């Protein structure tokens, strides 16, 4: 089986920033973290992977098929959530989710309702009235309720209080541990998220993919209580 995600020679150029060239792949069953400082290129990379940047070069393939030439239904197998839902702020949560149910053929209303309840979201509230943490939750529900093959999350725990954050990470573990037909790619600046969730970590700085921490390296670092120093050393080693 081909990887769920294949990125080959990806480059994005802005007047003041250059991402790449980057190449990597993610297989089914993997949870991969993208680590780096602010302005390292994490969000740019995630936007490119989810086909939200058209001014880029290189190839991005989902299950072996180039997403640029694939039909919309194929590209819809990638879900994306950032810190806030891409919704009309005047809509109520239930209205936004009902709209998405009409857009995505594989949308699961039962799944969406279960996620709303599990995450403690009030569906009667308008998007504009949601707290930052609730906006993160609604963005996640919108990306996950149709169970995409690849779920991409940009800073998924940003704005969540500690208790809610722990529950959210547990929910991600439930959904992606032992899920050979799905994969999760997420960015974070919180090493606690990496320690709790991921199998592999990609380290990015100044638009370059500098280092990869394997599952074995992460497990050893966790067991020895030195994950922070391992990540810091990996970034420094390429300075």
C-alpha atoms as a PDB file:
ATOM      1  CA  UNK A   1       0.000   0.000   0.000  1.00  0.00           C
ATOM      2  CA  UNK A   2       1.273   3.498  -0.777  1.00  0.00           C
ATOM      3  CA  UNK A   3       1.705   5.950   2.091  1.00  0.00           C
ATOM      4  CA  UNK A   4      -1.380   7.931   3.032  1.00  0.00           C
ATOM      5  CA  UNK A   5       0.633  11.121   2.434  1.00  0.00           C
ATOM      6  CA  UNK A   6       3.669  11.602   0.214  1.00  0.00           C
ATOM      7  CA  UNK A   7       5.369  14.998  -0.031  1.00  0.00           C
ATOM      8  CA  UNK A   8       8.085  15.230  -2.679  1.00  0.00           C
ATOM      9  CA  UNK A   9      10.275  18.294  -3.332  1.00  0.00           C
ATOM     10  CA  UNK A  10       7.650  20.698  -1.983  1.00  0.00           C
ATOM     11  CA  UNK A  11       8.583  24.385  -2.201  1.00  0.00           C
ATOM     12  CA  UNK A  12       6.622  27.523  -1.366  1.00  0.00           C
ATOM     13  CA  UNK A  13       8.094  30.968  -1.996  1.00  0.00           C
ATOM     14  CA  UNK A  14       6.909  34.231  -0.483  1.00  0.00           C
ATOM     15  CA  UNK A  15       8.723  37.575  -0.728  1.00  0.00           C
ATOM     16  CA  UNK A  16      10.173  37.177   2.768  1.00  0.00           C
ATOM     17  CA  UNK A  17      10.001  33.416   3.303  1.00  0.00           C
ATOM     18  CA  UNK A  18      10.995  30.233   1.498  1.00  0.00           C
ATOM     19  CA  UNK A  19       9.699  26.810   2.502  1.00  0.00           C
ATOM     20  CA  UNK A  20      11.554  23.757   1.291  1.00  0.00           C
ATOM     21  CA  UNK A  21      12.366  21.796  -0.662  1.00  0.00           C
ATOM     22  CA  UNK A  22      10.762  19.235   1.656  1.00  0.00           C
ATOM     23  CA  UNK A  23      10.163  15.524   1.176  1.00  0.00           C
ATOM     24  CA  UNK A  24       8.595  13.058   3.615  1.00  0.00           C
ATOM     25  CA  UNK A  25       5.815  10.479   3.853  1.00  0.00           C
ATOM     26  CA  UNK A  26       3.250   9.373   6.427  1.00  0.00           C
ATOM     27  CA  UNK A  27       1.813   5.866   6.527  1.00  0.00           C
ATOM     28  CA  UNK A  28      -1.513   4.595   7.796  1.00  0.00           C
ATOM     29  CA  UNK A  29      -1.598   4.199  11.554  1.00  0.00           C
ATOM     30  CA  UNK A  30       0.935   6.963  12.171  1.00  0.00           C
ATOM     31  CA  UNK A  31       0.520  10.050  14.325  1.00  0.00           C
ATOM     32  CA  UNK A  32       3.176  12.570  13.316  1.00  0.00           C
ATOM     33  CA  UNK A  33       4.026  15.856  15.026  1.00  0.00           C
ATOM     34  CA  UNK A  34       5.460  18.891  13.257  1.00  0.00           C
ATOM     35  CA  UNK A  35       7.626  20.850  15.680  1.00  0.00           C
ATOM     36  CA  UNK A  36       9.248  24.246  15.331  1.00  0.00           C
ATOM     37  CA  UNK A  37       9.311  27.791  16.618  1.00  0.00           C
ATOM     38  CA  UNK A  38       6.862  30.465  15.530  1.00  0.00           C
ATOM     39  CA  UNK A  39       7.421  31.460  11.873  1.00  0.00           C
ATOM     40  CA  UNK A  40       9.363  28.247  11.222  1.00  0.00           C
ATOM     41  CA  UNK A  41       6.992  27.307   8.405  1.00  0.00           C
ATOM     42  CA  UNK A  42       4.673  24.845  10.152  1.00  0.00           C
ATOM     43  CA  UNK A  43       1.402  26.473   9.125  1.00  0.00           C
ATOM     44  CA  UNK A  44       2.641  27.090   5.575  1.00  0.00           C
ATOM     45  CA  UNK A  45       3.531  23.414   5.262  1.00  0.00           C
ATOM     46  CA  UNK A  46       0.154  22.274   6.591  1.00  0.00           C
ATOM     47  CA  UNK A  47      -1.705  24.635   4.266  1.00  0.00           C
ATOM     48  CA  UNK A  48       0.260  23.261   1.316  1.00  0.00           C
ATOM     49  CA  UNK A  49      -0.377  19.647   2.336  1.00  0.00           C
ATOM     50  CA  UNK A  50      -4.120  20.332   2.485  1.00  0.00           C
ATOM     51  CA  UNK A  51      -4.096  22.034  -0.942  1.00  0.00           C
ATOM     52  CA  UNK A  52      -4.764  25.501   0.438  1.00  0.00           C
ATOM     53  CA  UNK A  53      -1.704  27.029  -1.240  1.00  0.00           C
ATOM     54  CA  UNK A  54      -1.729  27.027  -5.023  1.00  0.00           C
ATOM     55  CA  UNK A  55       1.527  28.914  -5.529  1.00  0.00           C
ATOM     56  CA  UNK A  56       3.821  25.997  -4.762  1.00  0.00           C
ATOM     57  CA  UNK A  57       5.923  23.435  -6.580  1.00  0.00           C
ATOM     58  CA  UNK A  58       6.550  19.766  -5.927  1.00  0.00           C
ATOM     59  CA  UNK A  59       4.149  16.883  -5.498  1.00  0.00           C
ATOM     60  CA  UNK A  60       1.700  16.120  -2.711  1.00  0.00           C
ATOM     61  CA  UNK A  61      -0.002  12.747  -3.049  1.00  0.00           C
ATOM     62  CA  UNK A  62      -2.793  11.174  -1.026  1.00  0.00           C
ATOM     63  CA  UNK A  63      -2.704   7.375  -1.181  1.00  0.00           C
ATOM     64  CA  UNK A  64      -0.482   7.593  -4.252  1.00  0.00           C
ATOM     65  CA  UNK A  65      -2.569  10.128  -6.184  1.00  0.00           C
ATOM     66  CA  UNK A  66      -1.487  13.731  -6.816  1.00  0.00           C
ATOM     67  CA  UNK A  67      -4.024  15.952  -5.051  1.00  0.00           C
ATOM     68  CA  UNK A  68      -3.713  18.620  -7.740  1.00  0.00           C
ATOM     69  CA  UNK A  69      -5.050  16.341 -10.441  1.00  0.00           C
ATOM     70  CA  UNK A  70      -7.360  14.281  -8.234  1.00  0.00           C
ATOM     71  CA  UNK A  71     -11.124  14.918  -8.236  1.00  0.00           C
ATOM     72  CA  UNK A  72     -12.633  16.909  -5.344  1.00  0.00           C
ATOM     73  CA  UNK A  73     -13.954  13.756  -3.685  1.00  0.00           C
ATOM     74  CA  UNK A  74     -10.396  12.433  -3.448  1.00  0.00           C
ATOM     75  CA  UNK A  75      -9.020  15.687  -2.006  1.00  0.00           C
ATOM     76  CA  UNK A  76     -11.854  15.665   0.528  1.00  0.00           C
ATOM     77  CA  UNK A  77     -10.207  12.640   2.111  1.00  0.00           C
ATOM     78  CA  UNK A  78      -7.890  15.160   3.801  1.00  0.00           C
ATOM     79  CA  UNK A  79      -9.412  16.967   6.785  1.00  0.00           C
ATOM     80  CA  UNK A  80      -7.967  20.191   8.162  1.00  0.00           C
ATOM     81  CA  UNK A  81      -8.590  22.184  11.327  1.00  0.00           C
ATOM     82  CA  UNK A  82      -6.840  25.290  12.591  1.00  0.00           C
ATOM     83  CA  UNK A  83      -7.507  27.341  15.707  1.00  0.00           C
ATOM     84  CA  UNK A  84     -10.897  28.608  14.521  1.00  0.00           C
ATOM     85  CA  UNK A  85     -13.634  27.176  12.285  1.00  0.00           C
ATOM     86  CA  UNK A  86     -13.780  28.529   8.740  1.00  0.00           C
ATOM     87  CA  UNK A  87     -17.411  29.527   9.207  1.00  0.00           C
ATOM     88  CA  UNK A  88     -19.678  32.546   9.016  1.00  0.00           C
ATOM     89  CA  UNK A  89     -19.484  33.900  12.594  1.00  0.00           C
ATOM     90  CA  UNK A  90     -23.216  34.678  12.522  1.00  0.00           C
ATOM     91  CA  UNK A  91     -24.100  30.990  12.147  1.00  0.00           C
ATOM     92  CA  UNK A  92     -24.977  28.833  15.107  1.00  0.00           C
ATOM     93  CA  UNK A  93     -22.840  25.750  15.633  1.00  0.00           C
ATOM     94  CA  UNK A  94     -25.692  23.424  14.643  1.00  0.00           C
ATOM     95  CA  UNK A  95     -26.286  25.462  11.454  1.00  0.00           C
ATOM     96  CA  UNK A  96     -22.622  25.264  10.478  1.00  0.00           C
ATOM     97  CA  UNK A  97     -22.495  21.512  11.037  1.00  0.00           C
ATOM     98  CA  UNK A  98     -25.747  21.035   9.094  1.00  0.00           C
ATOM     99  CA  UNK A  99     -24.226  22.968   6.190  1.00  0.00           C
ATOM    100  CA  UNK A 100     -21.152  20.717   6.232  1.00  0.00           C
ATOM    101  CA  UNK A 101     -23.395  17.647   6.291  1.00  0.00           C
ATOM    102  CA  UNK A 102     -24.825  18.782   2.952  1.00  0.00           C
ATOM    103  CA  UNK A 103     -21.350  19.435   1.498  1.00  0.00           C
ATOM    104  CA  UNK A 104     -19.553  16.197   2.409  1.00  0.00           C
ATOM    105  CA  UNK A 105     -21.150  12.962   1.145  1.00  0.00           C
ATOM    106  CA  UNK A 106     -19.375  10.942   3.839  1.00  0.00           C
ATOM    107  CA  UNK A 107     -20.410  13.260   6.689  1.00  0.00           C
ATOM    108  CA  UNK A 108     -21.696  11.273   9.651  1.00  0.00           C
ATOM    109  CA  UNK A 109     -24.387  13.154  11.582  1.00  0.00           C
ATOM    110  CA  UNK A 110     -24.286  10.655  14.435  1.00  0.00           C
ATOM    111  CA  UNK A 111     -20.529  11.056  14.667  1.00  0.00           C
ATOM    112  CA  UNK A 112     -20.801  14.856  14.662  1.00  0.00           C
ATOM    113  CA  UNK A 113     -23.436  14.795  17.407  1.00  0.00           C
ATOM    114  CA  UNK A 114     -21.301  12.447  19.507  1.00  0.00           C
ATOM    115  CA  UNK A 115     -18.283  14.740  19.145  1.00  0.00           C
ATOM    116  CA  UNK A 116     -20.351  17.791  20.096  1.00  0.00           C
ATOM    117  CA  UNK A 117     -21.460  16.004  23.258  1.00  0.00           C
ATOM    118  CA  UNK A 118     -18.033  14.539  24.051  1.00  0.00           C
ATOM    119  CA  UNK A 119     -16.310  17.915  23.704  1.00  0.00           C
ATOM    120  CA  UNK A 120     -18.996  19.815  25.587  1.00  0.00           C
ATOM    121  CA  UNK A 121     -19.906  22.248  22.809  1.00  0.00           C
ATOM    122  CA  UNK A 122     -23.212  24.137  22.992  1.00  0.00           C
ATOM    123  CA  UNK A 123     -24.681  23.741  19.470  1.00  0.00           C
ATOM    124  CA  UNK A 124     -27.094  26.640  19.987  1.00  0.00           C
ATOM    125  CA  UNK A 125     -24.309  29.230  20.293  1.00  0.00           C
ATOM    126  CA  UNK A 126     -23.245  31.396  17.389  1.00  0.00           C
ATOM    127  CA  UNK A 127     -19.687  30.922  16.161  1.00  0.00           C
ATOM    128  CA  UNK A 128     -18.951  34.524  17.173  1.00  0.00           C
ATOM    129  CA  UNK A 129     -19.987  33.780  20.779  1.00  0.00           C
ATOM    130  CA  UNK A 130     -17.678  30.793  21.228  1.00  0.00           C
ATOM    131  CA  UNK A 131     -14.638  30.972  23.462  1.00  0.00           C
ATOM    132  CA  UNK A 132     -11.300  30.340  21.810  1.00  0.00           C
ATOM    133  CA  UNK A 133     -11.235  26.834  23.205  1.00  0.00           C
ATOM    134  CA  UNK A 134     -14.728  26.099  21.880  1.00  0.00           C
ATOM    135  CA  UNK A 135     -13.743  27.434  18.462  1.00  0.00           C
ATOM    136  CA  UNK A 136     -10.874  24.930  18.418  1.00  0.00           C
ATOM    137  CA  UNK A 137     -13.334  22.154  19.275  1.00  0.00           C
ATOM    138  CA  UNK A 138     -15.817  23.124  16.553  1.00  0.00           C
ATOM    139  CA  UNK A 139     -13.023  23.329  13.981  1.00  0.00           C
ATOM    140  CA  UNK A 140     -11.975  19.808  14.982  1.00  0.00           C
ATOM    141  CA  UNK A 141     -15.532  18.458  14.745  1.00  0.00           C
ATOM    142  CA  UNK A 142     -15.901  19.977  11.272  1.00  0.00           C
ATOM    143  CA  UNK A 143     -12.710  18.254  10.129  1.00  0.00           C
ATOM    144  CA  UNK A 144     -13.248  14.890  11.798  1.00  0.00           C
ATOM    145  CA  UNK A 145     -16.971  14.103  11.495  1.00  0.00           C
ATOM    146  CA  UNK A 146     -16.563  12.687   7.984  1.00  0.00           C
ATOM    147  CA  UNK A 147     -13.527  10.608   9.087  1.00  0.00           C
ATOM    148  CA  UNK A 148     -10.931  11.682   6.524  1.00  0.00           C
ATOM    149  CA  UNK A 149      -8.028   9.374   5.737  1.00  0.00           C
ATOM    150  CA  UNK A 150      -5.579  12.096   6.773  1.00  0.00           C
ATOM    151  CA  UNK A 151      -6.475  14.568   9.511  1.00  0.00           C
ATOM    152  CA  UNK A 152      -4.265  17.663   9.671  1.00  0.00           C
ATOM    153  CA  UNK A 153      -4.439  19.829  12.795  1.00  0.00           C
ATOM    154  CA  UNK A 154      -2.677  23.178  13.219  1.00  0.00           C
ATOM    155  CA  UNK A 155      -1.937  23.747  16.926  1.00  0.00           C
ATOM    156  CA  UNK A 156      -4.941  21.625  17.986  1.00  0.00           C
ATOM    157  CA  UNK A 157      -4.652  22.231  21.739  1.00  0.00           C
ATOM    158  CA  UNK A 158      -4.093  25.982  21.543  1.00  0.00           C
ATOM    159  CA  UNK A 159      -6.613  27.782  23.749  1.00  0.00           C
ATOM    160  CA  UNK A 160      -7.741  24.685  25.657  1.00  0.00           C
ATOM    161  CA  UNK A 161      -7.566  24.673  29.440  1.00  0.00           C
ATOM    162  CA  UNK A 162      -5.466  21.856  30.978  1.00  0.00           C
ATOM    163  CA  UNK A 163      -8.364  19.514  31.818  1.00  0.00           C
ATOM    164  CA  UNK A 164     -10.049  19.918  28.417  1.00  0.00           C
ATOM    165  CA  UNK A 165      -6.674  19.551  26.708  1.00  0.00           C
ATOM    166  CA  UNK A 166      -6.052  16.205  28.409  1.00  0.00           C
ATOM    167  CA  UNK A 167      -9.497  14.962  27.357  1.00  0.00           C
ATOM    168  CA  UNK A 168      -8.929  16.169  23.793  1.00  0.00           C
ATOM    169  CA  UNK A 169      -5.594  14.350  23.567  1.00  0.00           C
ATOM    170  CA  UNK A 170      -7.271  11.215  24.911  1.00  0.00           C
ATOM    171  CA  UNK A 171      -9.914  11.533  22.191  1.00  0.00           C
ATOM    172  CA  UNK A 172      -7.218  11.746  19.515  1.00  0.00           C
ATOM    173  CA  UNK A 173      -5.494   8.667  20.935  1.00  0.00           C
ATOM    174  CA  UNK A 174      -8.772   6.749  20.839  1.00  0.00           C
ATOM    175  CA  UNK A 175      -9.329   7.649  17.200  1.00  0.00           C
ATOM    176  CA  UNK A 176      -5.848   7.190  15.785  1.00  0.00           C
ATOM    177  CA  UNK A 177      -4.214   4.481  17.880  1.00  0.00           C
ATOM    178  CA  UNK A 178      -4.578   1.205  15.997  1.00  0.00           C
ATOM    179  CA  UNK A 179      -6.206   2.891  12.984  1.00  0.00           C
ATOM    180  CA  UNK A 180      -4.198   1.441  10.068  1.00  0.00           C
ATOM    181  CA  UNK A 181      -6.310   3.154   7.416  1.00  0.00           C
ATOM    182  CA  UNK A 182      -5.935   6.674   8.845  1.00  0.00           C
ATOM    183  CA  UNK A 183      -3.149   9.056   9.853  1.00  0.00           C
ATOM    184  CA  UNK A 184      -2.810  12.237  11.900  1.00  0.00           C
ATOM    185  CA  UNK A 185      -0.417  15.119  11.198  1.00  0.00           C
ATOM    186  CA  UNK A 186      -0.416  17.962  13.698  1.00  0.00           C
ATOM    187  CA  UNK A 187       1.720  20.968  14.538  1.00  0.00           C
ATOM    188  CA  UNK A 188       2.467  22.011  18.081  1.00  0.00           C
ATOM    189  CA  UNK A 189       4.887  23.960  20.214  1.00  0.00           C
ATOM    190  CA  UNK A 190       3.932  21.905  23.289  1.00  0.00           C
ATOM    191  CA  UNK A 191       6.211  18.936  23.830  1.00  0.00           C
ATOM    192  CA  UNK A 192       3.643  17.512  26.237  1.00  0.00           C
ATOM    193  CA  UNK A 193       1.345  16.978  23.237  1.00  0.00           C
ATOM    194  CA  UNK A 194       4.097  15.129  21.416  1.00  0.00           C
ATOM    195  CA  UNK A 195       4.860  13.005  24.441  1.00  0.00           C
ATOM    196  CA  UNK A 196       1.192  12.101  24.894  1.00  0.00           C
ATOM    197  CA  UNK A 197       0.292  11.430  21.299  1.00  0.00           C
ATOM    198  CA  UNK A 198       2.776  11.006  18.507  1.00  0.00           C
ATOM    199  CA  UNK A 199       4.756   8.157  16.966  1.00  0.00           C
ATOM    200  CA  UNK A 200       7.192  10.355  15.071  1.00  0.00           C
ATOM    201  CA  UNK A 201       8.243  14.006  15.007  1.00  0.00           C
ATOM    202  CA  UNK A 202       9.436  16.209  12.149  1.00  0.00           C
ATOM    203  CA  UNK A 203      11.481  19.243  13.202  1.00  0.00           C
ATOM    204  CA  UNK A 204      11.291  22.350  11.029  1.00  0.00           C
ATOM    205  CA  UNK A 205      13.209  25.639  11.188  1.00  0.00           C
ATOM    206  CA  UNK A 206      13.365  28.546   8.752  1.00  0.00           C
ATOM    207  CA  UNK A 207      11.354  26.581   6.207  1.00  0.00           C
ATOM    208  CA  UNK A 208      13.657  23.568   6.251  1.00  0.00           C
ATOM    209  CA  UNK A 209      12.954  20.070   7.516  1.00  0.00           C
ATOM    210  CA  UNK A 210      15.956  19.652   9.770  1.00  0.00           C
ATOM    211  CA  UNK A 211      15.528  16.415  11.623  1.00  0.00           C
ATOM    212  CA  UNK A 212      13.214  13.482  12.231  1.00  0.00           C
ATOM    213  CA  UNK A 213      12.753  11.786  15.578  1.00  0.00           C
ATOM    214  CA  UNK A 214      11.701   8.181  15.140  1.00  0.00           C
ATOM    215  CA  UNK A 215       9.272   6.329  17.338  1.00  0.00           C
ATOM    216  CA  UNK A 216      12.177   4.559  19.023  1.00  0.00           C
ATOM    217  CA  UNK A 217      13.956   7.830  19.779  1.00  0.00           C
ATOM    218  CA  UNK A 218      10.771   9.352  21.173  1.00  0.00           C
ATOM    219  CA  UNK A 219      10.037   6.294  23.317  1.00  0.00           C
ATOM    220  CA  UNK A 220      13.554   6.285  24.755  1.00  0.00           C
ATOM    221  CA  UNK A 221      13.450  10.025  25.425  1.00  0.00           C
ATOM    222  CA  UNK A 222      10.058   9.704  27.137  1.00  0.00           C
ATOM    223  CA  UNK A 223      11.248   6.815  29.303  1.00  0.00           C
ATOM    224  CA  UNK A 224      14.342   8.754  30.366  1.00  0.00           C
ATOM    225  CA  UNK A 225      12.450  12.003  30.948  1.00  0.00           C
ATOM    226  CA  UNK A 226      14.549  13.992  28.483  1.00  0.00           C
ATOM    227  CA  UNK A 227      12.251  14.677  25.540  1.00  0.00           C
ATOM    228  CA  UNK A 228      12.749  18.449  25.805  1.00  0.00           C
ATOM    229  CA  UNK A 229      16.534  18.174  25.665  1.00  0.00           C
ATOM    230  CA  UNK A 230      16.417  15.685  22.776  1.00  0.00           C
ATOM    231  CA  UNK A 231      14.305  18.059  20.672  1.00  0.00           C
ATOM    232  CA  UNK A 232      16.468  21.060  21.592  1.00  0.00           C
ATOM    233  CA  UNK A 233      19.653  19.157  20.757  1.00  0.00           C
ATOM    234  CA  UNK A 234      18.232  18.026  17.419  1.00  0.00           C
ATOM    235  CA  UNK A 235      17.446  21.624  16.461  1.00  0.00           C
ATOM    236  CA  UNK A 236      20.822  22.900  17.633  1.00  0.00           C
ATOM    237  CA  UNK A 237      22.722  20.146  15.838  1.00  0.00           C
ATOM    238  CA  UNK A 238      21.721  21.571  12.464  1.00  0.00           C
ATOM    239  CA  UNK A 239      22.411  25.215  13.333  1.00  0.00           C
END
